[in-house]
Amino acid sequence: MPVAIITGASKGLGRALAEGLAARGWDLVLDARTARELEEAAGAVAVHGTRVEALPGDVTDAAHRGELVGAARRLGGPDLVVHNASALGAEPLVPLARLPLDGLRRALEVNVVAALGLVQEALPPLRASATGAVVVVSSDAAVEAYGTWGGYGASKAAVDHLAAVLAVEEPGLRVWAVDPGDMATDLYAAAVPDDGAPRPEPAAVVPGFLRLLDDRPASGRYSAPTLVEGR
């Protein structure tokens, strides 16, 4: 069975992706900072009959990243790394004039540095896989100038660029930066707590991510909602 590592998998998009992959027979290594929520998510995903390893920890910790890749190796992989874990930089979001620099550093560490660190750790088995792939979860804030989203958007723009360069340097892999679009997640609620407008559940965009795995298009930046619509 193919093996995937998914960070930030206790809830939201990460958990939805875990459900989608497990339903297809993927074995999984799941990461999140909150052990109780992660164990609950792993139990729900395991009903599909696949092997699921739940490793709580902080993805900015190099030792924890090594544990994730080690667990995936024991399962026979990894074939796919999904960097979904994200930090906003401030909760709720604030203009750049008031953005705490420590918050910006945290966003860069989680969204960019940890993503690269995990990929570096996983590169040997990814290269050995016939279907090795990396997904970094992006955002439209990476390409659009939205007020208060500057720190988070800068971190997502940076990880998009890392993904693009990785694709050039590792032509044997597929490297996709994927914008999932607006979703009803705890992350968005923390970012803009006063915005109560209805948004799609994360499960609605999972078919877009699965289409990437099915069709294996060229490395690049993709929109999950567009993929779901078949365009």
C-alpha atoms as a PDB file:
ATOM      1  CA  MET A   1       0.000   0.000   0.000  1.00  0.00           C
ATOM      2  CA  PRO A   2       1.190   3.572  -0.613  1.00  0.00           C
ATOM      3  CA  VAL A   3       2.193   5.604   2.431  1.00  0.00           C
ATOM      4  CA  ALA A   4       1.563   9.285   3.142  1.00  0.00           C
ATOM      5  CA  ILE A   5       2.769  11.674   5.831  1.00  0.00           C
ATOM      6  CA  ILE A   6       0.244  14.420   6.622  1.00  0.00           C
ATOM      7  CA  THR A   7       1.067  17.244   9.013  1.00  0.00           C
ATOM      8  CA  GLY A   8      -1.629  19.144  10.849  1.00  0.00           C
ATOM      9  CA  ALA A   9      -3.901  16.115  10.533  1.00  0.00           C
ATOM     10  CA  SER A  10      -5.996  16.283  13.697  1.00  0.00           C
ATOM     11  CA  LYS A  11      -8.729  18.442  12.175  1.00  0.00           C
ATOM     12  CA  GLY A  12      -9.730  20.564   9.206  1.00  0.00           C
ATOM     13  CA  LEU A  13      -8.167  19.896   5.840  1.00  0.00           C
ATOM     14  CA  GLY A  14      -5.483  17.573   7.215  1.00  0.00           C
ATOM     15  CA  ARG A  15      -8.034  15.240   8.760  1.00  0.00           C
ATOM     16  CA  ALA A  16     -10.220  15.381   5.643  1.00  0.00           C
ATOM     17  CA  LEU A  17      -7.239  14.452   3.461  1.00  0.00           C
ATOM     18  CA  ALA A  18      -6.404  11.579   5.805  1.00  0.00           C
ATOM     19  CA  GLU A  19      -9.968  10.298   5.473  1.00  0.00           C
ATOM     20  CA  GLY A  20      -9.836  10.578   1.696  1.00  0.00           C
ATOM     21  CA  LEU A  21      -6.539   8.744   1.391  1.00  0.00           C
ATOM     22  CA  ALA A  22      -7.434   6.037   3.912  1.00  0.00           C
ATOM     23  CA  ALA A  23     -10.632   5.340   2.011  1.00  0.00           C
ATOM     24  CA  ARG A  24      -8.400   4.594  -0.985  1.00  0.00           C
ATOM     25  CA  GLY A  25      -6.205   2.202   0.969  1.00  0.00           C
ATOM     26  CA  TRP A  26      -3.307   4.485   1.862  1.00  0.00           C
ATOM     27  CA  ASP A  27      -1.341   3.832   5.044  1.00  0.00           C
ATOM     28  CA  LEU A  28      -0.793   7.038   6.977  1.00  0.00           C
ATOM     29  CA  VAL A  29       1.542   8.808   9.359  1.00  0.00           C
ATOM     30  CA  LEU A  30      -0.330  11.691  10.962  1.00  0.00           C
ATOM     31  CA  ASP A  31       1.065  14.650  12.885  1.00  0.00           C
ATOM     32  CA  ALA A  32      -0.456  17.369  15.058  1.00  0.00           C
ATOM     33  CA  ARG A  33       0.490  19.210  18.211  1.00  0.00           C
ATOM     34  CA  THR A  34      -2.563  18.131  20.229  1.00  0.00           C
ATOM     35  CA  ALA A  35      -2.273  14.465  21.168  1.00  0.00           C
ATOM     36  CA  ARG A  36      -5.904  13.914  22.159  1.00  0.00           C
ATOM     37  CA  GLU A  37      -7.358  15.368  18.961  1.00  0.00           C
ATOM     38  CA  LEU A  38      -4.789  13.524  16.867  1.00  0.00           C
ATOM     39  CA  GLU A  39      -5.628  10.169  18.478  1.00  0.00           C
ATOM     40  CA  GLU A  40      -9.318  10.800  17.855  1.00  0.00           C
ATOM     41  CA  ALA A  41      -8.655  11.585  14.198  1.00  0.00           C
ATOM     42  CA  ALA A  42      -6.417   8.526  13.801  1.00  0.00           C
ATOM     43  CA  GLY A  43      -9.106   6.292  15.274  1.00  0.00           C
ATOM     44  CA  ALA A  44     -11.710   7.655  12.883  1.00  0.00           C
ATOM     45  CA  VAL A  45      -9.417   7.184   9.892  1.00  0.00           C
ATOM     46  CA  ALA A  46      -8.376   3.662  10.901  1.00  0.00           C
ATOM     47  CA  VAL A  47     -11.913   2.327  10.366  1.00  0.00           C
ATOM     48  CA  HIS A  48     -11.004   2.083   6.686  1.00  0.00           C
ATOM     49  CA  GLY A  49      -8.684  -0.782   7.577  1.00  0.00           C
ATOM     50  CA  THR A  50      -5.403   0.917   6.752  1.00  0.00           C
ATOM     51  CA  ARG A  51      -2.428   1.274   9.077  1.00  0.00           C
ATOM     52  CA  VAL A  52      -2.334   4.625  10.842  1.00  0.00           C
ATOM     53  CA  GLU A  53       0.509   5.986  12.961  1.00  0.00           C
ATOM     54  CA  ALA A  54      -0.351   9.064  15.037  1.00  0.00           C
ATOM     55  CA  LEU A  55       2.687  11.005  16.278  1.00  0.00           C
ATOM     56  CA  PRO A  56       1.921  14.158  18.277  1.00  0.00           C
ATOM     57  CA  GLY A  57       4.566  16.847  18.191  1.00  0.00           C
ATOM     58  CA  ASP A  58       5.668  20.144  16.723  1.00  0.00           C
ATOM     59  CA  VAL A  59       6.711  19.956  13.083  1.00  0.00           C
ATOM     60  CA  THR A  60       9.297  22.671  13.705  1.00  0.00           C
ATOM     61  CA  ASP A  61      11.195  20.124  15.836  1.00  0.00           C
ATOM     62  CA  ALA A  62      13.785  18.305  13.717  1.00  0.00           C
ATOM     63  CA  ALA A  63      13.637  15.228  15.938  1.00  0.00           C
ATOM     64  CA  HIS A  64       9.878  15.021  15.468  1.00  0.00           C
ATOM     65  CA  ARG A  65      10.239  15.296  11.696  1.00  0.00           C
ATOM     66  CA  GLY A  66      12.717  12.426  11.836  1.00  0.00           C
ATOM     67  CA  GLU A  67      10.176  10.372  13.787  1.00  0.00           C
ATOM     68  CA  LEU A  68       7.524  11.020  11.148  1.00  0.00           C
ATOM     69  CA  VAL A  69       9.757   9.847   8.313  1.00  0.00           C
ATOM     70  CA  GLY A  70      10.977   6.890  10.360  1.00  0.00           C
ATOM     71  CA  ALA A  71       7.405   5.767  10.983  1.00  0.00           C
ATOM     72  CA  ALA A  72       6.629   6.106   7.282  1.00  0.00           C
ATOM     73  CA  ARG A  73       9.696   4.026   6.399  1.00  0.00           C
ATOM     74  CA  ARG A  74       8.515   1.249   8.711  1.00  0.00           C
ATOM     75  CA  LEU A  75       5.224   1.194   6.821  1.00  0.00           C
ATOM     76  CA  GLY A  76       7.120   0.919   3.526  1.00  0.00           C
ATOM     77  CA  GLY A  77       7.224   4.544   2.402  1.00  0.00           C
ATOM     78  CA  PRO A  78       6.752   7.463   2.270  1.00  0.00           C
ATOM     79  CA  ASP A  79       5.345   7.941  -1.220  1.00  0.00           C
ATOM     80  CA  LEU A  80       3.647  11.257  -0.437  1.00  0.00           C
ATOM     81  CA  VAL A  81       4.379  14.119   1.963  1.00  0.00           C
ATOM     82  CA  VAL A  82       1.598  16.636   2.607  1.00  0.00           C
ATOM     83  CA  HIS A  83       2.678  19.738   4.529  1.00  0.00           C
ATOM     84  CA  ASN A  84      -0.631  21.053   5.811  1.00  0.00           C
ATOM     85  CA  ALA A  85       0.410  22.382   9.232  1.00  0.00           C
ATOM     86  CA  SER A  86       0.138  26.174   9.296  1.00  0.00           C
ATOM     87  CA  ALA A  87       0.610  29.114  11.645  1.00  0.00           C
ATOM     88  CA  LEU A  88      -1.038  32.496  11.127  1.00  0.00           C
ATOM     89  CA  GLY A  89       1.496  34.745  12.840  1.00  0.00           C
ATOM     90  CA  ALA A  90      -1.215  36.462  14.871  1.00  0.00           C
ATOM     91  CA  GLU A  91      -4.673  35.392  16.059  1.00  0.00           C
ATOM     92  CA  PRO A  92      -6.733  37.248  15.037  1.00  0.00           C
ATOM     93  CA  LEU A  93      -4.824  38.677  12.106  1.00  0.00           C
ATOM     94  CA  VAL A  94      -3.524  42.241  12.383  1.00  0.00           C
ATOM     95  CA  PRO A  95      -2.021  44.780   9.947  1.00  0.00           C
ATOM     96  CA  LEU A  96       1.703  44.554   9.285  1.00  0.00           C
ATOM     97  CA  ALA A  97       2.233  47.684  11.384  1.00  0.00           C
ATOM     98  CA  ARG A  98       1.146  45.661  14.433  1.00  0.00           C
ATOM     99  CA  LEU A  99       2.294  42.176  13.464  1.00  0.00           C
ATOM    100  CA  PRO A 100       4.464  40.750  16.266  1.00  0.00           C
ATOM    101  CA  LEU A 101       7.818  39.805  14.821  1.00  0.00           C
ATOM    102  CA  ASP A 102       7.851  36.664  16.931  1.00  0.00           C
ATOM    103  CA  GLY A 103       4.538  35.754  15.316  1.00  0.00           C
ATOM    104  CA  LEU A 104       6.012  36.264  11.863  1.00  0.00           C
ATOM    105  CA  ARG A 105       8.983  34.098  12.816  1.00  0.00           C
ATOM    106  CA  ARG A 106       6.608  31.379  13.987  1.00  0.00           C
ATOM    107  CA  ALA A 107       4.652  31.510  10.725  1.00  0.00           C
ATOM    108  CA  LEU A 108       7.859  31.234   8.722  1.00  0.00           C
ATOM    109  CA  GLU A 109       9.152  28.380  10.905  1.00  0.00           C
ATOM    110  CA  VAL A 110       5.944  26.332  10.604  1.00  0.00           C
ATOM    111  CA  ASN A 111       4.887  27.185   7.069  1.00  0.00           C
ATOM    112  CA  VAL A 112       8.289  27.324   5.356  1.00  0.00           C
ATOM    113  CA  VAL A 113      11.247  26.046   7.362  1.00  0.00           C
ATOM    114  CA  ALA A 114       9.462  22.974   8.719  1.00  0.00           C
ATOM    115  CA  ALA A 115       8.089  22.172   5.280  1.00  0.00           C
ATOM    116  CA  LEU A 116      11.580  22.137   3.805  1.00  0.00           C
ATOM    117  CA  GLY A 117      12.984  20.235   6.761  1.00  0.00           C
ATOM    118  CA  LEU A 118      10.391  17.492   6.393  1.00  0.00           C
ATOM    119  CA  VAL A 119      11.007  17.215   2.665  1.00  0.00           C
ATOM    120  CA  GLN A 120      14.773  17.039   3.208  1.00  0.00           C
ATOM    121  CA  GLU A 121      14.260  14.208   5.705  1.00  0.00           C
ATOM    122  CA  ALA A 122      11.913  12.346   3.367  1.00  0.00           C
ATOM    123  CA  LEU A 123      13.783  12.864   0.084  1.00  0.00           C
ATOM    124  CA  PRO A 124      15.657   9.526  -0.082  1.00  0.00           C
ATOM    125  CA  PRO A 125      12.519   7.352   0.160  1.00  0.00           C
ATOM    126  CA  LEU A 126      10.529   9.773  -2.007  1.00  0.00           C
ATOM    127  CA  ARG A 127      13.149   9.488  -4.725  1.00  0.00           C
ATOM    128  CA  ALA A 128      12.985   5.697  -4.437  1.00  0.00           C
ATOM    129  CA  SER A 129       9.201   5.650  -4.817  1.00  0.00           C
ATOM    130  CA  ALA A 130       7.745   5.185  -8.283  1.00  0.00           C
ATOM    131  CA  THR A 131       5.107   7.797  -7.408  1.00  0.00           C
ATOM    132  CA  GLY A 132       6.984  10.119  -5.059  1.00  0.00           C
ATOM    133  CA  ALA A 133       5.131  13.391  -4.511  1.00  0.00           C
ATOM    134  CA  VAL A 134       5.113  16.444  -2.260  1.00  0.00           C
ATOM    135  CA  VAL A 135       2.089  18.651  -1.580  1.00  0.00           C
ATOM    136  CA  VAL A 136       2.391  21.994   0.195  1.00  0.00           C
ATOM    137  CA  VAL A 137      -0.906  23.576   1.163  1.00  0.00           C
ATOM    138  CA  SER A 138      -0.895  27.137  -0.098  1.00  0.00           C
ATOM    139  CA  SER A 139      -3.390  30.006   0.009  1.00  0.00           C
ATOM    140  CA  ASP A 140      -4.683  32.737  -2.251  1.00  0.00           C
ATOM    141  CA  ALA A 141      -3.045  35.077   0.275  1.00  0.00           C
ATOM    142  CA  ALA A 142       0.247  33.939  -1.269  1.00  0.00           C
ATOM    143  CA  VAL A 143      -0.570  35.775  -4.499  1.00  0.00           C
ATOM    144  CA  GLU A 144      -3.133  38.432  -3.485  1.00  0.00           C
ATOM    145  CA  ALA A 145      -2.548  41.458  -1.234  1.00  0.00           C
ATOM    146  CA  TYR A 146      -5.224  41.155   1.463  1.00  0.00           C
ATOM    147  CA  GLY A 147      -5.089  43.519   4.416  1.00  0.00           C
ATOM    148  CA  THR A 148      -4.018  41.806   7.682  1.00  0.00           C
ATOM    149  CA  TRP A 149      -2.936  38.650   5.791  1.00  0.00           C
ATOM    150  CA  GLY A 150       0.580  39.962   5.088  1.00  0.00           C
ATOM    151  CA  GLY A 151       2.619  37.741   7.398  1.00  0.00           C
ATOM    152  CA  TYR A 152       0.715  34.576   6.637  1.00  0.00           C
ATOM    153  CA  GLY A 153       0.616  35.386   2.926  1.00  0.00           C
ATOM    154  CA  ALA A 154       4.360  36.036   2.831  1.00  0.00           C
ATOM    155  CA  SER A 155       5.024  32.646   4.415  1.00  0.00           C
ATOM    156  CA  LYS A 156       2.756  30.889   1.911  1.00  0.00           C
ATOM    157  CA  ALA A 157       4.382  32.741  -0.999  1.00  0.00           C
ATOM    158  CA  ALA A 158       7.752  31.567   0.295  1.00  0.00           C
ATOM    159  CA  VAL A 159       6.703  27.906   0.527  1.00  0.00           C
ATOM    160  CA  ASP A 160       5.171  28.140  -2.957  1.00  0.00           C
ATOM    161  CA  HIS A 161       8.543  29.284  -4.272  1.00  0.00           C
ATOM    162  CA  LEU A 162      10.376  26.533  -2.420  1.00  0.00           C
ATOM    163  CA  ALA A 163       8.012  24.015  -4.018  1.00  0.00           C
ATOM    164  CA  ALA A 164       8.655  25.463  -7.475  1.00  0.00           C
ATOM    165  CA  VAL A 165      12.421  25.260  -7.035  1.00  0.00           C
ATOM    166  CA  LEU A 166      12.197  21.756  -5.569  1.00  0.00           C
ATOM    167  CA  ALA A 167      10.304  20.673  -8.677  1.00  0.00           C
ATOM    168  CA  VAL A 168      13.192  21.909 -10.838  1.00  0.00           C
ATOM    169  CA  GLU A 169      15.816  20.254  -8.659  1.00  0.00           C
ATOM    170  CA  GLU A 170      13.914  16.965  -8.245  1.00  0.00           C
ATOM    171  CA  PRO A 171      12.413  16.227 -11.676  1.00  0.00           C
ATOM    172  CA  GLY A 172      11.667  12.644 -10.661  1.00  0.00           C
ATOM    173  CA  LEU A 173       9.102  13.859  -8.114  1.00  0.00           C
ATOM    174  CA  ARG A 174       5.793  15.612  -8.466  1.00  0.00           C
ATOM    175  CA  VAL A 175       5.741  18.773  -6.341  1.00  0.00           C
ATOM    176  CA  TRP A 176       2.407  20.554  -6.082  1.00  0.00           C
ATOM    177  CA  ALA A 177       1.496  23.742  -4.220  1.00  0.00           C
ATOM    178  CA  VAL A 178      -2.261  23.597  -3.762  1.00  0.00           C
ATOM    179  CA  ASP A 179      -4.588  26.444  -2.820  1.00  0.00           C
ATOM    180  CA  PRO A 180      -7.604  24.805  -1.144  1.00  0.00           C
ATOM    181  CA  GLY A 181      -9.724  27.950  -1.345  1.00  0.00           C
ATOM    182  CA  ASP A 182     -11.957  29.285   1.424  1.00  0.00           C
ATOM    183  CA  MET A 183     -12.940  26.639   3.945  1.00  0.00           C
ATOM    184  CA  ALA A 184     -14.743  26.418   7.263  1.00  0.00           C
ATOM    185  CA  THR A 185     -11.750  25.647   9.487  1.00  0.00           C
ATOM    186  CA  ASP A 186     -10.530  26.552  12.954  1.00  0.00           C
ATOM    187  CA  LEU A 187      -7.584  28.315  11.292  1.00  0.00           C
ATOM    188  CA  TYR A 188      -9.866  30.698   9.415  1.00  0.00           C
ATOM    189  CA  ALA A 189     -12.017  31.252  12.499  1.00  0.00           C
ATOM    190  CA  ALA A 190      -8.900  32.174  14.476  1.00  0.00           C
ATOM    191  CA  ALA A 191      -7.720  34.473  11.696  1.00  0.00           C
ATOM    192  CA  VAL A 192     -10.984  36.391  11.262  1.00  0.00           C
ATOM    193  CA  PRO A 193     -13.263  35.547  14.207  1.00  0.00           C
ATOM    194  CA  ASP A 194     -15.893  38.150  13.252  1.00  0.00           C
ATOM    195  CA  ASP A 195     -16.455  36.679   9.783  1.00  0.00           C
ATOM    196  CA  GLY A 196     -19.393  34.316  10.084  1.00  0.00           C
ATOM    197  CA  ALA A 197     -20.043  33.895   6.348  1.00  0.00           C
ATOM    198  CA  PRO A 198     -20.729  30.292   5.299  1.00  0.00           C
ATOM    199  CA  ARG A 199     -17.808  28.414   3.771  1.00  0.00           C
ATOM    200  CA  PRO A 200     -17.382  24.891   2.352  1.00  0.00           C
ATOM    201  CA  GLU A 201     -16.229  22.109   4.630  1.00  0.00           C
ATOM    202  CA  PRO A 202     -12.669  20.874   3.936  1.00  0.00           C
ATOM    203  CA  ALA A 203     -13.985  17.525   2.684  1.00  0.00           C
ATOM    204  CA  ALA A 204     -15.455  19.360  -0.316  1.00  0.00           C
ATOM    205  CA  VAL A 205     -12.000  20.024  -1.801  1.00  0.00           C
ATOM    206  CA  VAL A 206     -10.411  16.645  -1.034  1.00  0.00           C
ATOM    207  CA  PRO A 207     -11.422  15.276  -4.474  1.00  0.00           C
ATOM    208  CA  GLY A 208      -9.222  17.983  -6.012  1.00  0.00           C
ATOM    209  CA  PHE A 209      -6.180  16.726  -4.114  1.00  0.00           C
ATOM    210  CA  LEU A 210      -7.032  13.127  -5.036  1.00  0.00           C
ATOM    211  CA  ARG A 211      -7.270  14.124  -8.684  1.00  0.00           C
ATOM    212  CA  LEU A 212      -3.663  15.274  -8.555  1.00  0.00           C
ATOM    213  CA  LEU A 213      -2.650  11.820  -7.360  1.00  0.00           C
ATOM    214  CA  ASP A 214      -4.746  10.153 -10.058  1.00  0.00           C
ATOM    215  CA  ASP A 215      -3.709  12.323 -13.007  1.00  0.00           C
ATOM    216  CA  ARG A 216      -0.182  13.262 -11.834  1.00  0.00           C
ATOM    217  CA  PRO A 217      -0.023  16.533 -13.784  1.00  0.00           C
ATOM    218  CA  ALA A 218       3.214  18.466 -14.032  1.00  0.00           C
ATOM    219  CA  SER A 219       4.607  19.977 -10.856  1.00  0.00           C
ATOM    220  CA  GLY A 220       3.195  23.433 -10.218  1.00  0.00           C
ATOM    221  CA  ARG A 221       0.592  25.489  -8.390  1.00  0.00           C
ATOM    222  CA  TYR A 222      -3.023  24.312  -8.475  1.00  0.00           C
ATOM    223  CA  SER A 223      -6.416  25.327  -7.130  1.00  0.00           C
ATOM    224  CA  ALA A 224      -8.252  22.481  -5.404  1.00  0.00           C
ATOM    225  CA  PRO A 225     -11.747  23.881  -6.146  1.00  0.00           C
ATOM    226  CA  THR A 226     -10.829  24.170  -9.841  1.00  0.00           C
ATOM    227  CA  LEU A 227      -9.613  20.571  -9.835  1.00  0.00           C
ATOM    228  CA  VAL A 228     -12.873  19.470  -8.226  1.00  0.00           C
ATOM    229  CA  GLU A 229     -14.784  21.201 -11.001  1.00  0.00           C
ATOM    230  CA  GLY A 230     -12.724  19.303 -13.559  1.00  0.00           C
ATOM    231  CA  ARG A 231     -10.929  22.291 -15.051  1.00  0.00           C
END
